[in-house]
C-alpha cells in the first residue's frame, strides 16, 4: 500500500495537470490562479537566472572596461600625435616668419643674395663659427658677407662643395670698420668671444658716440658691403685720464637664434658702381675736351 501511494499521487498529479491545461486553453477562470502563482514562482525564476545574468553582466563590464582602456590608449596616442603636430606647426610658423623676414630683407638689398640654412655650430667655446648648407657648388666664395634680417652676422672663411663655415662678428679674432649712422664717426668694432658683446677699439674720449647709436658697415677694406647694420651701442664709459673710451655694443642680428641667413653675392651696392660710372664718364669727357683743346 505504501509502495502504491507514490504511483497514485503521480497519476493524480498528471490528471490535475491535464485538467488544468485543458481549462487554461478553453476558459479564463485559471488566470487569477496563474497570476498568484507568478508571485510565488518569481523568486525561483530570478534565482535560477541569477548565475546567467551575473555572468552576462560580468562579461559586459569586462568588455566595457576593455573598450574604455583601448579608447583611452587610442586617445592618448592621438593626443601625443596632435601635440607633436602642434609643436611642429609652431616651429614651421616661426620658421616661416623668419623666412618672410629674410625675404623682405633681401628685397631691400642692393646686391643679389643667396638664402642658406644653418646646419651646425662650432662646439669650441673659443670659436664663434657656424656651418651653413651652401658651398662652392652654390657659388659661395671665401670672404662673402653673411647677414640675417636685422644685420650682419659674419663672413665665409672656408668653403666646401656642399657647405661653408662662417666666422661670426663676435669672434675674438674678428674686427671690422664701422661708422655711427647718426654722424658718420668711424671706428673699429672687434669681437670679444662672447655671443652678444662687441667692443669699439681706440675711440677717442672726445668722440661723439652715445648709447643707442646704430653702427653700420663702412665698406673699407672690402671685407663687408657698405651700409649694413652691424651693432648698436649699449654702454659708453669715459674714464678719467684715459685717452680712449670704453664702448661696448650688441649685434643687431640674432646670432643666438637665427636659423636661416643671407649670403651677399655682390660686395658693392648698386648705387656705388653707378656713381663711379658717372664719375668715370665725366672724367673721360673732361679729358677728351682737354685733348681737343
C-alpha atoms as a PDB file:
ATOM      1  CA  UNK A   1       0.000   0.000   0.000  1.00  0.00           C
ATOM      2  CA  UNK A   2       2.813   2.300   0.931  1.00  0.00           C
ATOM      3  CA  UNK A   3       4.540   1.478  -2.334  1.00  0.00           C
ATOM      4  CA  UNK A   4       1.398   2.343  -4.325  1.00  0.00           C
ATOM      5  CA  UNK A   5       0.905   5.748  -2.779  1.00  0.00           C
ATOM      6  CA  UNK A   6       3.591   7.437  -4.875  1.00  0.00           C
ATOM      7  CA  UNK A   7       2.076   5.969  -8.022  1.00  0.00           C
ATOM      8  CA  UNK A   8      -1.393   7.206  -7.125  1.00  0.00           C
ATOM      9  CA  UNK A   9      -0.001  10.607  -6.306  1.00  0.00           C
ATOM     10  CA  UNK A  10       1.742  10.784  -9.652  1.00  0.00           C
ATOM     11  CA  UNK A  11      -1.440   9.747 -11.505  1.00  0.00           C
ATOM     12  CA  UNK A  12      -3.495  12.293  -9.612  1.00  0.00           C
ATOM     13  CA  UNK A  13      -0.927  14.994 -10.390  1.00  0.00           C
ATOM     14  CA  UNK A  14      -0.943  14.061 -14.077  1.00  0.00           C
ATOM     15  CA  UNK A  15      -4.734  14.129 -14.199  1.00  0.00           C
ATOM     16  CA  UNK A  16      -4.825  17.515 -12.491  1.00  0.00           C
ATOM     17  CA  UNK A  17      -2.189  18.833 -14.849  1.00  0.00           C
ATOM     18  CA  UNK A  18      -4.150  17.641 -17.889  1.00  0.00           C
ATOM     19  CA  UNK A  19      -7.365  19.134 -16.495  1.00  0.00           C
ATOM     20  CA  UNK A  20      -5.675  22.452 -15.720  1.00  0.00           C
ATOM     21  CA  UNK A  21      -4.132  22.598 -19.188  1.00  0.00           C
ATOM     22  CA  UNK A  22      -7.476  21.956 -20.770  1.00  0.00           C
ATOM     23  CA  UNK A  23      -9.244  24.504 -18.624  1.00  0.00           C
ATOM     24  CA  UNK A  24      -6.475  27.069 -19.314  1.00  0.00           C
ATOM     25  CA  UNK A  25      -6.938  26.628 -23.052  1.00  0.00           C
ATOM     26  CA  UNK A  26     -10.755  26.669 -23.016  1.00  0.00           C
ATOM     27  CA  UNK A  27     -11.560  29.179 -20.211  1.00  0.00           C
ATOM     28  CA  UNK A  28     -10.158  32.161 -18.309  1.00  0.00           C
ATOM     29  CA  UNK A  29     -11.005  31.122 -14.759  1.00  0.00           C
ATOM     30  CA  UNK A  30      -7.385  29.961 -14.020  1.00  0.00           C
ATOM     31  CA  UNK A  31      -5.896  33.410 -14.840  1.00  0.00           C
ATOM     32  CA  UNK A  32      -6.178  34.675 -11.214  1.00  0.00           C
ATOM     33  CA  UNK A  33      -4.549  31.465 -10.028  1.00  0.00           C
ATOM     34  CA  UNK A  34      -1.712  31.831 -12.530  1.00  0.00           C
ATOM     35  CA  UNK A  35      -1.328  35.467 -11.509  1.00  0.00           C
ATOM     36  CA  UNK A  36      -0.937  34.499  -7.846  1.00  0.00           C
ATOM     37  CA  UNK A  37       1.423  31.674  -8.727  1.00  0.00           C
ATOM     38  CA  UNK A  38       3.539  34.212 -10.643  1.00  0.00           C
ATOM     39  CA  UNK A  39       4.362  35.971  -7.382  1.00  0.00           C
ATOM     40  CA  UNK A  40       5.311  32.664  -5.814  1.00  0.00           C
ATOM     41  CA  UNK A  41       7.499  31.435  -8.708  1.00  0.00           C
ATOM     42  CA  UNK A  42       9.129  34.799  -9.488  1.00  0.00           C
ATOM     43  CA  UNK A  43      11.862  34.453  -6.818  1.00  0.00           C
ATOM     44  CA  UNK A  44      12.584  30.942  -8.027  1.00  0.00           C
ATOM     45  CA  UNK A  45      12.924  32.142 -11.624  1.00  0.00           C
ATOM     46  CA  UNK A  46      15.108  35.049 -10.501  1.00  0.00           C
ATOM     47  CA  UNK A  47      17.395  32.718  -8.556  1.00  0.00           C
ATOM     48  CA  UNK A  48      17.500  30.324 -11.485  1.00  0.00           C
ATOM     49  CA  UNK A  49      18.553  33.095 -13.881  1.00  0.00           C
ATOM     50  CA  UNK A  50      20.860  34.818 -11.399  1.00  0.00           C
ATOM     51  CA  UNK A  51      24.071  32.985 -12.436  1.00  0.00           C
ATOM     52  CA  UNK A  52      23.359  33.626 -16.105  1.00  0.00           C
ATOM     53  CA  UNK A  53      22.536  37.300 -15.514  1.00  0.00           C
ATOM     54  CA  UNK A  54      25.607  37.711 -13.299  1.00  0.00           C
ATOM     55  CA  UNK A  55      27.804  36.118 -15.963  1.00  0.00           C
ATOM     56  CA  UNK A  56      26.359  38.372 -18.674  1.00  0.00           C
ATOM     57  CA  UNK A  57      26.798  41.460 -16.507  1.00  0.00           C
ATOM     58  CA  UNK A  58      30.384  40.480 -15.746  1.00  0.00           C
ATOM     59  CA  UNK A  59      31.085  39.933 -19.449  1.00  0.00           C
ATOM     60  CA  UNK A  60      29.555  43.316 -20.312  1.00  0.00           C
ATOM     61  CA  UNK A  61      31.575  45.032 -17.607  1.00  0.00           C
ATOM     62  CA  UNK A  62      34.736  43.325 -18.813  1.00  0.00           C
ATOM     63  CA  UNK A  63      34.058  44.272 -22.420  1.00  0.00           C
ATOM     64  CA  UNK A  64      33.209  47.840 -21.413  1.00  0.00           C
ATOM     65  CA  UNK A  65      36.403  48.146 -19.354  1.00  0.00           C
ATOM     66  CA  UNK A  66      38.431  46.698 -22.214  1.00  0.00           C
ATOM     67  CA  UNK A  67      36.856  49.101 -24.688  1.00  0.00           C
ATOM     68  CA  UNK A  68      37.436  52.011 -22.326  1.00  0.00           C
ATOM     69  CA  UNK A  69      41.086  51.056 -21.888  1.00  0.00           C
ATOM     70  CA  UNK A  70      41.523  50.681 -25.646  1.00  0.00           C
ATOM     71  CA  UNK A  71      39.780  54.001 -26.218  1.00  0.00           C
ATOM     72  CA  UNK A  72      41.973  55.648 -23.592  1.00  0.00           C
ATOM     73  CA  UNK A  73      45.150  54.289 -25.144  1.00  0.00           C
ATOM     74  CA  UNK A  74      43.984  55.352 -28.593  1.00  0.00           C
ATOM     75  CA  UNK A  75      43.125  58.846 -27.337  1.00  0.00           C
ATOM     76  CA  UNK A  76      46.471  59.119 -25.561  1.00  0.00           C
ATOM     77  CA  UNK A  77      48.250  58.186 -28.800  1.00  0.00           C
ATOM     78  CA  UNK A  78      46.179  60.706 -30.706  1.00  0.00           C
ATOM     79  CA  UNK A  79      46.927  63.389 -28.119  1.00  0.00           C
ATOM     80  CA  UNK A  80      50.657  62.694 -28.394  1.00  0.00           C
ATOM     81  CA  UNK A  81      50.466  62.832 -32.182  1.00  0.00           C
ATOM     82  CA  UNK A  82      48.458  66.051 -32.086  1.00  0.00           C
ATOM     83  CA  UNK A  83      50.842  67.611 -29.572  1.00  0.00           C
ATOM     84  CA  UNK A  84      53.759  66.703 -31.803  1.00  0.00           C
ATOM     85  CA  UNK A  85      51.945  68.220 -34.783  1.00  0.00           C
ATOM     86  CA  UNK A  86      51.192  71.368 -32.807  1.00  0.00           C
ATOM     87  CA  UNK A  87      54.854  71.688 -31.847  1.00  0.00           C
ATOM     88  CA  UNK A  88      55.877  71.110 -35.444  1.00  0.00           C
ATOM     89  CA  UNK A  89      53.351  73.681 -36.646  1.00  0.00           C
ATOM     90  CA  UNK A  90      54.709  76.180 -34.127  1.00  0.00           C
ATOM     91  CA  UNK A  91      58.236  75.509 -35.395  1.00  0.00           C
ATOM     92  CA  UNK A  92      57.120  75.835 -39.013  1.00  0.00           C
ATOM     93  CA  UNK A  93      55.244  79.030 -38.244  1.00  0.00           C
ATOM     94  CA  UNK A  94      58.287  80.560 -36.572  1.00  0.00           C
ATOM     95  CA  UNK A  95      60.469  79.366 -39.444  1.00  0.00           C
ATOM     96  CA  UNK A  96      58.078  80.844 -42.000  1.00  0.00           C
ATOM     97  CA  UNK A  97      58.131  84.126 -40.109  1.00  0.00           C
ATOM     98  CA  UNK A  98      61.933  84.164 -40.180  1.00  0.00           C
ATOM     99  CA  UNK A  99      61.954  83.303 -43.875  1.00  0.00           C
ATOM    100  CA  UNK A 100      59.476  86.089 -44.635  1.00  0.00           C
ATOM    101  CA  UNK A 101      61.694  88.499 -42.712  1.00  0.00           C
ATOM    102  CA  UNK A 102      64.675  87.285 -44.716  1.00  0.00           C
ATOM    103  CA  UNK A 103      62.807  87.684 -47.987  1.00  0.00           C
ATOM    104  CA  UNK A 104      61.686  91.167 -47.022  1.00  0.00           C
ATOM    105  CA  UNK A 105      65.249  91.979 -46.046  1.00  0.00           C
ATOM    106  CA  UNK A 106      66.633  90.642 -49.317  1.00  0.00           C
ATOM    107  CA  UNK A 107      64.127  92.776 -51.242  1.00  0.00           C
ATOM    108  CA  UNK A 108      65.727  95.863 -49.677  1.00  0.00           C
ATOM    109  CA  UNK A 109      69.288  94.833 -50.524  1.00  0.00           C
ATOM    110  CA  UNK A 110      71.078  96.325 -53.496  1.00  0.00           C
ATOM    111  CA  UNK A 111      73.156  93.181 -54.033  1.00  0.00           C
ATOM    112  CA  UNK A 112      71.977  89.736 -55.073  1.00  0.00           C
ATOM    113  CA  UNK A 113      71.678  87.319 -52.170  1.00  0.00           C
ATOM    114  CA  UNK A 114      71.502  83.588 -51.516  1.00  0.00           C
ATOM    115  CA  UNK A 115      69.423  82.072 -48.702  1.00  0.00           C
ATOM    116  CA  UNK A 116      71.186  79.397 -46.640  1.00  0.00           C
ATOM    117  CA  UNK A 117      70.282  77.323 -43.596  1.00  0.00           C
ATOM    118  CA  UNK A 118      72.485  76.903 -40.527  1.00  0.00           C
ATOM    119  CA  UNK A 119      73.275  73.212 -40.048  1.00  0.00           C
ATOM    120  CA  UNK A 120      75.978  73.344 -37.388  1.00  0.00           C
ATOM    121  CA  UNK A 121      77.660  75.378 -34.654  1.00  0.00           C
ATOM    122  CA  UNK A 122      81.319  75.130 -33.674  1.00  0.00           C
ATOM    123  CA  UNK A 123      81.441  73.402 -30.250  1.00  0.00           C
ATOM    124  CA  UNK A 124      84.719  75.141 -29.350  1.00  0.00           C
ATOM    125  CA  UNK A 125      83.806  77.914 -26.857  1.00  0.00           C
ATOM    126  CA  UNK A 126      86.792  79.927 -28.087  1.00  0.00           C
ATOM    127  CA  UNK A 127      85.476  79.994 -31.654  1.00  0.00           C
ATOM    128  CA  UNK A 128      82.345  81.754 -32.843  1.00  0.00           C
ATOM    129  CA  UNK A 129      81.570  79.931 -36.093  1.00  0.00           C
ATOM    130  CA  UNK A 130      78.572  78.483 -37.908  1.00  0.00           C
ATOM    131  CA  UNK A 131      78.190  75.917 -40.686  1.00  0.00           C
ATOM    132  CA  UNK A 132      75.693  76.564 -43.481  1.00  0.00           C
ATOM    133  CA  UNK A 133      74.269  74.217 -46.112  1.00  0.00           C
ATOM    134  CA  UNK A 134      75.586  76.133 -49.132  1.00  0.00           C
ATOM    135  CA  UNK A 135      79.028  75.672 -50.619  1.00  0.00           C
ATOM    136  CA  UNK A 136      81.155  76.055 -53.709  1.00  0.00           C
ATOM    137  CA  UNK A 137      78.521  74.274 -55.797  1.00  0.00           C
ATOM    138  CA  UNK A 138      76.190  77.188 -54.988  1.00  0.00           C
ATOM    139  CA  UNK A 139      78.893  79.745 -55.895  1.00  0.00           C
ATOM    140  CA  UNK A 140      79.671  80.554 -52.265  1.00  0.00           C
ATOM    141  CA  UNK A 141      83.123  82.118 -52.010  1.00  0.00           C
ATOM    142  CA  UNK A 142      85.515  82.856 -49.196  1.00  0.00           C
ATOM    143  CA  UNK A 143      85.049  86.330 -47.719  1.00  0.00           C
ATOM    144  CA  UNK A 144      81.388  86.506 -48.658  1.00  0.00           C
ATOM    145  CA  UNK A 145      79.293  88.571 -46.239  1.00  0.00           C
ATOM    146  CA  UNK A 146      76.550  86.801 -44.258  1.00  0.00           C
ATOM    147  CA  UNK A 147      73.585  88.533 -42.614  1.00  0.00           C
ATOM    148  CA  UNK A 148      70.080  87.954 -41.308  1.00  0.00           C
ATOM    149  CA  UNK A 149      67.002  90.180 -41.436  1.00  0.00           C
ATOM    150  CA  UNK A 150      68.439  92.507 -38.759  1.00  0.00           C
ATOM    151  CA  UNK A 151      72.076  92.952 -39.712  1.00  0.00           C
ATOM    152  CA  UNK A 152      75.478  91.463 -40.467  1.00  0.00           C
ATOM    153  CA  UNK A 153      76.401  88.128 -38.898  1.00  0.00           C
ATOM    154  CA  UNK A 154      79.866  87.480 -40.252  1.00  0.00           C
ATOM    155  CA  UNK A 155      81.661  86.270 -43.335  1.00  0.00           C
ATOM    156  CA  UNK A 156      82.523  82.987 -45.024  1.00  0.00           C
ATOM    157  CA  UNK A 157      86.022  81.827 -44.078  1.00  0.00           C
ATOM    158  CA  UNK A 158      86.028  78.326 -45.561  1.00  0.00           C
ATOM    159  CA  UNK A 159      84.038  76.711 -48.377  1.00  0.00           C
ATOM    160  CA  UNK A 160      83.417  73.085 -49.196  1.00  0.00           C
ATOM    161  CA  UNK A 161      81.479  71.501 -52.028  1.00  0.00           C
ATOM    162  CA  UNK A 162      78.160  71.439 -50.130  1.00  0.00           C
ATOM    163  CA  UNK A 163      78.763  73.569 -47.034  1.00  0.00           C
ATOM    164  CA  UNK A 164      80.700  76.542 -45.740  1.00  0.00           C
ATOM    165  CA  UNK A 165      81.995  77.890 -42.418  1.00  0.00           C
ATOM    166  CA  UNK A 166      81.009  81.360 -41.280  1.00  0.00           C
ATOM    167  CA  UNK A 167      83.086  83.394 -38.819  1.00  0.00           C
ATOM    168  CA  UNK A 168      80.793  85.486 -36.635  1.00  0.00           C
ATOM    169  CA  UNK A 169      81.455  89.141 -35.910  1.00  0.00           C
ATOM    170  CA  UNK A 170      81.570  88.250 -32.188  1.00  0.00           C
ATOM    171  CA  UNK A 171      84.641  86.015 -32.600  1.00  0.00           C
ATOM    172  CA  UNK A 172      87.672  87.294 -30.686  1.00  0.00           C
ATOM    173  CA  UNK A 173      89.790  87.256 -33.862  1.00  0.00           C
ATOM    174  CA  UNK A 174      87.327  89.328 -35.867  1.00  0.00           C
ATOM    175  CA  UNK A 175      87.420  93.092 -36.395  1.00  0.00           C
ATOM    176  CA  UNK A 176      85.800  95.406 -38.949  1.00  0.00           C
ATOM    177  CA  UNK A 177      85.395  99.047 -39.782  1.00  0.00           C
ATOM    178  CA  UNK A 178      82.068 100.644 -38.793  1.00  0.00           C
ATOM    179  CA  UNK A 179      80.656 104.123 -38.547  1.00  0.00           C
ATOM    180  CA  UNK A 180      77.990 105.737 -36.417  1.00  0.00           C
ATOM    181  CA  UNK A 181      74.899 106.071 -38.548  1.00  0.00           C
ATOM    182  CA  UNK A 182      73.938 109.311 -36.775  1.00  0.00           C
ATOM    183  CA  UNK A 183      77.047 111.334 -37.543  1.00  0.00           C
ATOM    184  CA  UNK A 184      79.455 109.192 -39.594  1.00  0.00           C
ATOM    185  CA  UNK A 185      82.144 108.765 -36.903  1.00  0.00           C
ATOM    186  CA  UNK A 186      84.293 105.781 -37.851  1.00  0.00           C
ATOM    187  CA  UNK A 187      85.762 103.191 -35.505  1.00  0.00           C
ATOM    188  CA  UNK A 188      86.977  99.599 -35.345  1.00  0.00           C
ATOM    189  CA  UNK A 189      84.452  97.086 -33.997  1.00  0.00           C
ATOM    190  CA  UNK A 190      86.008  93.920 -32.560  1.00  0.00           C
ATOM    191  CA  UNK A 191      84.562  90.684 -31.255  1.00  0.00           C
ATOM    192  CA  UNK A 192      85.047  89.623 -27.653  1.00  0.00           C
ATOM    193  CA  UNK A 193      84.426  85.882 -27.999  1.00  0.00           C
ATOM    194  CA  UNK A 194      81.078  86.265 -26.271  1.00  0.00           C
ATOM    195  CA  UNK A 195      77.796  85.796 -28.100  1.00  0.00           C
ATOM    196  CA  UNK A 196      76.292  89.232 -27.514  1.00  0.00           C
ATOM    197  CA  UNK A 197      79.244  91.570 -26.783  1.00  0.00           C
ATOM    198  CA  UNK A 198      81.283  93.684 -29.150  1.00  0.00           C
ATOM    199  CA  UNK A 199      83.777  96.443 -28.385  1.00  0.00           C
ATOM    200  CA  UNK A 200      84.847  99.609 -30.179  1.00  0.00           C
ATOM    201  CA  UNK A 201      88.632  99.942 -30.179  1.00  0.00           C
ATOM    202  CA  UNK A 202      90.721 103.083 -29.789  1.00  0.00           C
ATOM    203  CA  UNK A 203      87.837 105.529 -29.785  1.00  0.00           C
ATOM    204  CA  UNK A 204      88.993 108.956 -28.533  1.00  0.00           C
ATOM    205  CA  UNK A 205      87.387 110.081 -25.320  1.00  0.00           C
ATOM    206  CA  UNK A 206      86.045 113.147 -27.131  1.00  0.00           C
ATOM    207  CA  UNK A 207      84.307 111.184 -29.924  1.00  0.00           C
ATOM    208  CA  UNK A 208      80.586 111.831 -30.307  1.00  0.00           C
ATOM    209  CA  UNK A 209      79.268 108.316 -29.674  1.00  0.00           C
ATOM    210  CA  UNK A 210      76.225 107.735 -27.473  1.00  0.00           C
ATOM    211  CA  UNK A 211      74.262 104.817 -26.131  1.00  0.00           C
ATOM    212  CA  UNK A 212      71.731 103.599 -28.688  1.00  0.00           C
ATOM    213  CA  UNK A 213      73.769 104.717 -31.716  1.00  0.00           C
ATOM    214  CA  UNK A 214      73.494 102.370 -34.683  1.00  0.00           C
ATOM    215  CA  UNK A 215      76.787 101.149 -36.122  1.00  0.00           C
ATOM    216  CA  UNK A 216      76.838 100.325 -39.840  1.00  0.00           C
ATOM    217  CA  UNK A 217      79.486  98.845 -42.095  1.00  0.00           C
ATOM    218  CA  UNK A 218      81.733 101.291 -43.955  1.00  0.00           C
ATOM    219  CA  UNK A 219      82.867  99.013 -46.779  1.00  0.00           C
ATOM    220  CA  UNK A 220      86.505  99.945 -46.120  1.00  0.00           C
ATOM    221  CA  UNK A 221      88.906  97.133 -46.814  1.00  0.00           C
ATOM    222  CA  UNK A 222      86.199  95.444 -48.890  1.00  0.00           C
ATOM    223  CA  UNK A 223      85.576  92.935 -46.114  1.00  0.00           C
ATOM    224  CA  UNK A 224      81.882  93.782 -45.997  1.00  0.00           C
ATOM    225  CA  UNK A 225      79.499  95.732 -48.226  1.00  0.00           C
ATOM    226  CA  UNK A 226      78.810  99.297 -47.198  1.00  0.00           C
ATOM    227  CA  UNK A 227      75.777 100.496 -45.262  1.00  0.00           C
ATOM    228  CA  UNK A 228      74.517  97.364 -43.492  1.00  0.00           C
ATOM    229  CA  UNK A 229      73.543  97.430 -39.768  1.00  0.00           C
ATOM    230  CA  UNK A 230      76.109  95.711 -37.568  1.00  0.00           C
ATOM    231  CA  UNK A 231      75.570  96.627 -33.917  1.00  0.00           C
ATOM    232  CA  UNK A 232      74.049  99.112 -31.513  1.00  0.00           C
ATOM    233  CA  UNK A 233      75.988 100.876 -28.746  1.00  0.00           C
ATOM    234  CA  UNK A 234      74.852  99.703 -25.303  1.00  0.00           C
ATOM    235  CA  UNK A 235      77.340 101.448 -22.999  1.00  0.00           C
ATOM    236  CA  UNK A 236      79.844 104.327 -23.166  1.00  0.00           C
ATOM    237  CA  UNK A 237      82.270 104.730 -20.257  1.00  0.00           C
ATOM    238  CA  UNK A 238      84.583 107.724 -20.012  1.00  0.00           C
ATOM    239  CA  UNK A 239      87.468 107.018 -17.665  1.00  0.00           C
ATOM    240  CA  UNK A 240      89.248 109.920 -16.043  1.00  0.00           C
ATOM    241  CA  UNK A 241      92.688 110.489 -17.541  1.00  0.00           C
ATOM    242  CA  UNK A 242      92.241 107.824 -20.237  1.00  0.00           C
ATOM    243  CA  UNK A 243      92.760 108.676 -23.890  1.00  0.00           C
ATOM    244  CA  UNK A 244      90.134 106.254 -25.175  1.00  0.00           C
ATOM    245  CA  UNK A 245      86.552 105.492 -24.148  1.00  0.00           C
ATOM    246  CA  UNK A 246      85.378 102.042 -23.152  1.00  0.00           C
ATOM    247  CA  UNK A 247      82.466 101.427 -25.516  1.00  0.00           C
ATOM    248  CA  UNK A 248      80.510  98.201 -25.820  1.00  0.00           C
ATOM    249  CA  UNK A 249      77.954  97.274 -28.451  1.00  0.00           C
ATOM    250  CA  UNK A 250      75.487  94.494 -29.123  1.00  0.00           C
ATOM    251  CA  UNK A 251      74.924  92.877 -32.540  1.00  0.00           C
ATOM    252  CA  UNK A 252      71.692  93.814 -34.270  1.00  0.00           C
ATOM    253  CA  UNK A 253      71.495  90.312 -35.761  1.00  0.00           C
ATOM    254  CA  UNK A 254      70.020  87.465 -33.712  1.00  0.00           C
ATOM    255  CA  UNK A 255      73.172  85.367 -33.536  1.00  0.00           C
ATOM    256  CA  UNK A 256      71.856  83.031 -30.842  1.00  0.00           C
ATOM    257  CA  UNK A 257      68.601  82.013 -32.509  1.00  0.00           C
ATOM    258  CA  UNK A 258      68.947  82.589 -36.238  1.00  0.00           C
ATOM    259  CA  UNK A 259      68.273  79.525 -38.422  1.00  0.00           C
ATOM    260  CA  UNK A 260      68.478  80.964 -41.952  1.00  0.00           C
ATOM    261  CA  UNK A 261      70.909  83.548 -43.281  1.00  0.00           C
ATOM    262  CA  UNK A 262      71.566  85.573 -46.408  1.00  0.00           C
ATOM    263  CA  UNK A 263      74.819  85.475 -48.321  1.00  0.00           C
ATOM    264  CA  UNK A 264      75.571  88.682 -50.189  1.00  0.00           C
ATOM    265  CA  UNK A 265      76.849  87.753 -53.626  1.00  0.00           C
ATOM    266  CA  UNK A 266      77.946  91.242 -54.582  1.00  0.00           C
ATOM    267  CA  UNK A 267      80.283  93.306 -52.421  1.00  0.00           C
ATOM    268  CA  UNK A 268      79.216  96.742 -53.624  1.00  0.00           C
ATOM    269  CA  UNK A 269      75.746  98.319 -53.631  1.00  0.00           C
ATOM    270  CA  UNK A 270      74.181  99.145 -56.980  1.00  0.00           C
ATOM    271  CA  UNK A 271      74.446 102.869 -56.367  1.00  0.00           C
ATOM    272  CA  UNK A 272      78.226 102.769 -55.974  1.00  0.00           C
ATOM    273  CA  UNK A 273      79.007 101.436 -59.482  1.00  0.00           C
ATOM    274  CA  UNK A 274      76.516 103.895 -60.964  1.00  0.00           C
ATOM    275  CA  UNK A 275      78.201 106.795 -59.182  1.00  0.00           C
ATOM    276  CA  UNK A 276      81.626 105.551 -60.211  1.00  0.00           C
ATOM    277  CA  UNK A 277      80.465 105.028 -63.746  1.00  0.00           C
ATOM    278  CA  UNK A 278      79.061 108.563 -63.920  1.00  0.00           C
ATOM    279  CA  UNK A 279      82.221 109.959 -62.395  1.00  0.00           C
ATOM    280  CA  UNK A 280      84.283 107.952 -64.851  1.00  0.00           C
ATOM    281  CA  UNK A 281      82.190 109.191 -67.759  1.00  0.00           C
ATOM    282  CA  UNK A 282      82.526 112.805 -66.607  1.00  0.00           C
ATOM    283  CA  UNK A 283      86.293 112.367 -66.212  1.00  0.00           C
ATOM    284  CA  UNK A 284      86.556 110.839 -69.681  1.00  0.00           C
ATOM    285  CA  UNK A 285      84.527 113.655 -71.154  1.00  0.00           C
ATOM    286  CA  UNK A 286      86.731 116.247 -69.435  1.00  0.00           C
ATOM    287  CA  UNK A 287      89.897 114.518 -70.595  1.00  0.00           C
ATOM    288  CA  UNK A 288      88.522 114.379 -74.128  1.00  0.00           C
ATOM    289  CA  UNK A 289      87.654 118.066 -74.081  1.00  0.00           C
ATOM    290  CA  UNK A 290      91.132 118.953 -72.818  1.00  0.00           C
ATOM    291  CA  UNK A 291      92.668 116.830 -75.532  1.00  0.00           C
ATOM    292  CA  UNK A 292      90.613 118.530 -78.223  1.00  0.00           C
ATOM    293  CA  UNK A 293      91.651 121.946 -76.989  1.00  0.00           C
END
